[in-house]
């Protein structure tokens, strides 16, 4: 077998960076879908191969690596229970906003709708016309509150009897010990 480029020697059709392309059968194996699904998604323009689309009898589609990433995302959304109709609507919303590189988008789903995650704080519902919603990263909020409280005074949650000798602001290393003492006393 000879090492030949997949596009008949024309490297210009292999992508901007001169990378290789993947035929449909290879794409199916890499993504874990049937050829019938791949063919249907290409014919209905859900995921069209960016290197070369089929153009008549005997021609083969050629997918880029990024196309395979998008195919994998579609498969994962289907596996999560999102309907193909909702996946299609989400992708059409992204494309209508001018998002050409779908592989660069972070999508999240609750199994019904599909959200685009733009940042840890901003999530957009792609099925409600791009309506903005927000996500709360609990870990981030936890660290933010910790940072805000470092220079602020604290006081016991329960009233202390007069004469109790607890420092008003324990040192950073003593704060844990002070909390434990308050729990035992209360």
Protein backbone atom coordinates (compact mmCIF):
# COMPACT_ATOMS: atom_id res chain seq x y z
CA UNK A 1 0.00 0.00 0.00
CA UNK A 2 1.32 3.44 -0.91
CA UNK A 3 1.22 6.45 1.39
CA UNK A 4 -1.02 8.79 -0.56
CA UNK A 5 -2.85 11.88 0.63
CA UNK A 6 -6.52 11.19 1.26
CA UNK A 7 -7.70 13.93 -1.08
CA UNK A 8 -6.02 12.70 -4.22
CA UNK A 9 -2.83 14.72 -3.71
CA UNK A 10 -4.45 18.12 -3.28
CA UNK A 11 -3.30 19.21 0.18
CA UNK A 12 -5.38 22.39 -0.03
CA UNK A 13 -8.54 20.38 0.64
CA UNK A 14 -7.17 18.91 3.88
CA UNK A 15 -7.73 21.94 6.08
CA UNK A 16 -6.03 25.21 6.90
CA UNK A 17 -3.07 23.61 8.67
CA UNK A 18 -2.47 20.83 6.11
CA UNK A 19 -3.72 18.17 8.51
CA UNK A 20 -5.27 14.89 7.44
CA UNK A 21 -8.91 14.09 6.84
CA UNK A 22 -10.97 11.12 7.97
CA UNK A 23 -13.35 9.10 5.83
CA UNK A 24 -16.83 8.27 7.04
CA UNK A 25 -16.05 4.73 8.23
CA UNK A 26 -13.10 6.00 10.28
CA UNK A 27 -15.26 8.80 11.72
CA UNK A 28 -17.90 6.26 12.76
CA UNK A 29 -15.36 4.11 14.58
CA UNK A 30 -13.72 7.11 16.28
CA UNK A 31 -17.02 8.58 17.46
CA UNK A 32 -18.96 5.38 18.14
CA UNK A 33 -21.90 5.92 15.80
CA UNK A 34 -23.31 3.97 12.88
CA UNK A 35 -22.61 4.90 9.28
CA UNK A 36 -26.34 5.38 8.85
CA UNK A 37 -26.34 8.08 11.59
CA UNK A 38 -23.30 9.78 10.08
CA UNK A 39 -24.87 9.79 6.64
CA UNK A 40 -28.18 11.14 7.96
CA UNK A 41 -26.48 13.92 9.96
CA UNK A 42 -24.48 14.96 6.88
CA UNK A 43 -27.49 14.86 4.50
CA UNK A 44 -29.60 16.91 6.93
CA UNK A 45 -26.69 19.36 7.50
CA UNK A 46 -26.44 18.70 11.25
CA UNK A 47 -22.72 17.99 10.93
CA UNK A 48 -21.34 18.51 7.45
CA UNK A 49 -17.77 17.39 6.76
CA UNK A 50 -15.63 20.51 6.51
CA UNK A 51 -12.89 19.05 4.31
CA UNK A 52 -14.98 17.42 1.57
CA UNK A 53 -18.66 16.65 1.30
CA UNK A 54 -20.00 13.92 -0.95
CA UNK A 55 -20.70 15.30 -4.41
CA UNK A 56 -22.33 12.52 -6.31
CA UNK A 57 -21.90 8.82 -6.75
CA UNK A 58 -18.47 7.45 -5.87
CA UNK A 59 -17.20 10.46 -3.89
CA UNK A 60 -16.53 10.14 -0.19
CA UNK A 61 -16.95 12.63 2.60
CA UNK A 62 -13.81 13.70 4.41
CA UNK A 63 -14.08 14.90 8.01
CA UNK A 64 -11.58 17.03 9.91
CA UNK A 65 -10.54 16.25 13.46
CA UNK A 66 -12.73 19.15 14.68
CA UNK A 67 -15.69 17.65 12.79
CA UNK A 68 -15.13 14.44 14.75
CA UNK A 69 -15.20 16.43 17.99
CA UNK A 70 -18.58 17.92 17.04
CA UNK A 71 -19.88 14.47 16.07
CA UNK A 72 -18.79 13.15 19.47
CA UNK A 73 -20.58 16.01 21.25
CA UNK A 74 -23.78 15.28 19.29
CA UNK A 75 -23.51 11.61 20.25
CA UNK A 76 -22.96 12.46 23.92
CA UNK A 77 -25.99 14.75 23.93
CA UNK A 78 -28.07 11.97 22.38
CA UNK A 79 -26.74 9.52 24.99
CA UNK A 80 -27.73 12.00 27.71
CA UNK A 81 -31.32 11.92 26.47
CA UNK A 82 -31.47 15.16 24.47
CA UNK A 83 -33.64 14.74 21.39
CA UNK A 84 -32.01 15.07 17.99
CA UNK A 85 -34.50 17.87 17.26
CA UNK A 86 -33.25 19.86 20.29
CA UNK A 87 -29.62 19.20 19.37
CA UNK A 88 -30.31 20.45 15.85
CA UNK A 89 -32.02 23.60 17.21
CA UNK A 90 -29.06 24.28 19.52
CA UNK A 91 -26.53 23.94 16.71
CA UNK A 92 -28.67 26.08 14.38
CA UNK A 93 -28.80 28.78 17.08
CA UNK A 94 -25.02 28.75 17.35
CA UNK A 95 -24.62 28.95 13.57
CA UNK A 96 -27.16 31.80 13.29
CA UNK A 97 -25.00 33.76 15.75
CA UNK A 98 -22.01 33.26 13.44
CA UNK A 99 -20.32 30.48 15.41
CA UNK A 100 -18.48 28.54 12.73
CA UNK A 101 -16.11 26.59 14.96
CA UNK A 102 -18.55 24.42 16.92
CA UNK A 103 -15.63 22.40 18.32
CA UNK A 104 -14.56 25.46 20.31
CA UNK A 105 -17.87 25.73 22.20
CA UNK A 106 -18.62 24.19 25.60
CA UNK A 107 -22.11 22.71 25.69
CA UNK A 108 -23.85 21.46 28.81
CA UNK A 109 -27.21 19.77 29.13
CA UNK A 110 -29.72 18.68 31.73
CA UNK A 111 -30.98 15.96 29.39
CA UNK A 112 -33.71 18.16 27.94
CA UNK A 113 -32.27 21.46 26.86
CA UNK A 114 -28.80 22.43 25.66
CA UNK A 115 -26.80 25.31 27.10
CA UNK A 116 -23.71 27.07 25.81
CA UNK A 117 -21.25 27.74 28.61
CA UNK A 118 -19.40 30.95 27.81
CA UNK A 119 -17.67 31.28 31.19
CA UNK A 120 -18.06 29.83 34.68
CA UNK A 121 -20.71 32.49 35.33
CA UNK A 122 -22.50 32.77 32.00
CA UNK A 123 -24.62 30.08 30.38
CA UNK A 124 -26.96 30.61 27.42
CA UNK A 125 -30.04 28.49 26.78
CA UNK A 126 -29.74 27.67 23.09
CA UNK A 127 -33.31 26.35 22.82
CA UNK A 128 -34.97 29.52 24.12
CA UNK A 129 -33.67 31.86 21.44
CA UNK A 130 -30.34 32.42 23.13
CA UNK A 131 -31.90 33.56 26.40
CA UNK A 132 -29.25 34.18 29.04
CA UNK A 133 -29.25 32.15 32.23
CA UNK A 134 -26.52 31.93 34.80
CA UNK A 135 -24.56 29.21 36.47
CA UNK A 136 -23.17 29.31 39.96
CA UNK A 137 -19.88 27.59 40.59
CA UNK A 138 -20.28 26.65 44.26
CA UNK A 139 -16.56 26.06 44.70
CA UNK A 140 -15.85 29.51 43.31
CA UNK A 141 -18.43 31.13 45.60
CA UNK A 142 -16.94 29.25 48.58
CA UNK A 143 -13.44 30.58 47.85
CA UNK A 144 -14.78 34.08 47.19
CA UNK A 145 -16.54 34.20 50.58
CA UNK A 146 -13.45 32.82 52.32
CA UNK A 147 -11.40 35.60 50.75
CA UNK A 148 -13.95 38.25 51.73
CA UNK A 149 -14.05 37.11 55.36
CA UNK A 150 -10.30 37.09 55.98
CA UNK A 151 -10.20 40.71 57.19
CA UNK A 152 -13.70 40.99 58.62
CA UNK A 153 -14.56 40.56 62.30
CA UNK A 154 -16.51 37.53 63.51
CA UNK A 155 -18.37 36.92 66.73
CA UNK A 156 -19.77 33.84 68.44
CA UNK A 157 -23.14 32.66 67.17
CA UNK A 158 -24.48 32.10 70.69
CA UNK A 159 -24.25 34.68 73.48
CA UNK A 160 -21.20 34.10 75.65
CA UNK A 161 -21.41 34.42 79.43
CA UNK A 162 -19.69 37.49 80.85
CA UNK A 163 -16.09 36.80 81.68
CA UNK A 164 -15.52 34.22 78.95
CA UNK A 165 -12.07 34.84 77.65
CA UNK A 166 -12.39 34.30 73.91
CA UNK A 167 -10.41 36.67 71.73
CA UNK A 168 -12.61 38.93 69.59
CA UNK A 169 -10.62 38.07 66.46
CA UNK A 170 -8.67 34.85 66.68
CA UNK A 171 -5.49 34.60 64.64
CA UNK A 172 -5.87 32.77 61.33
CA UNK A 173 -4.29 29.60 62.76
CA UNK A 174 -6.46 29.71 65.90
CA UNK A 175 -9.78 30.20 64.12
CA UNK A 176 -10.41 26.48 63.71
CA UNK A 177 -9.65 25.83 67.36
CA UNK A 178 -11.97 28.67 68.38
CA UNK A 179 -14.80 27.22 66.26
CA UNK A 180 -14.36 23.80 67.81
CA UNK A 181 -14.40 25.31 71.31
CA UNK A 182 -17.60 27.21 70.52
CA UNK A 183 -19.26 24.02 69.21
CA UNK A 184 -18.35 22.10 72.36
CA UNK A 185 -19.59 24.91 74.60
CA UNK A 186 -22.84 25.45 72.66
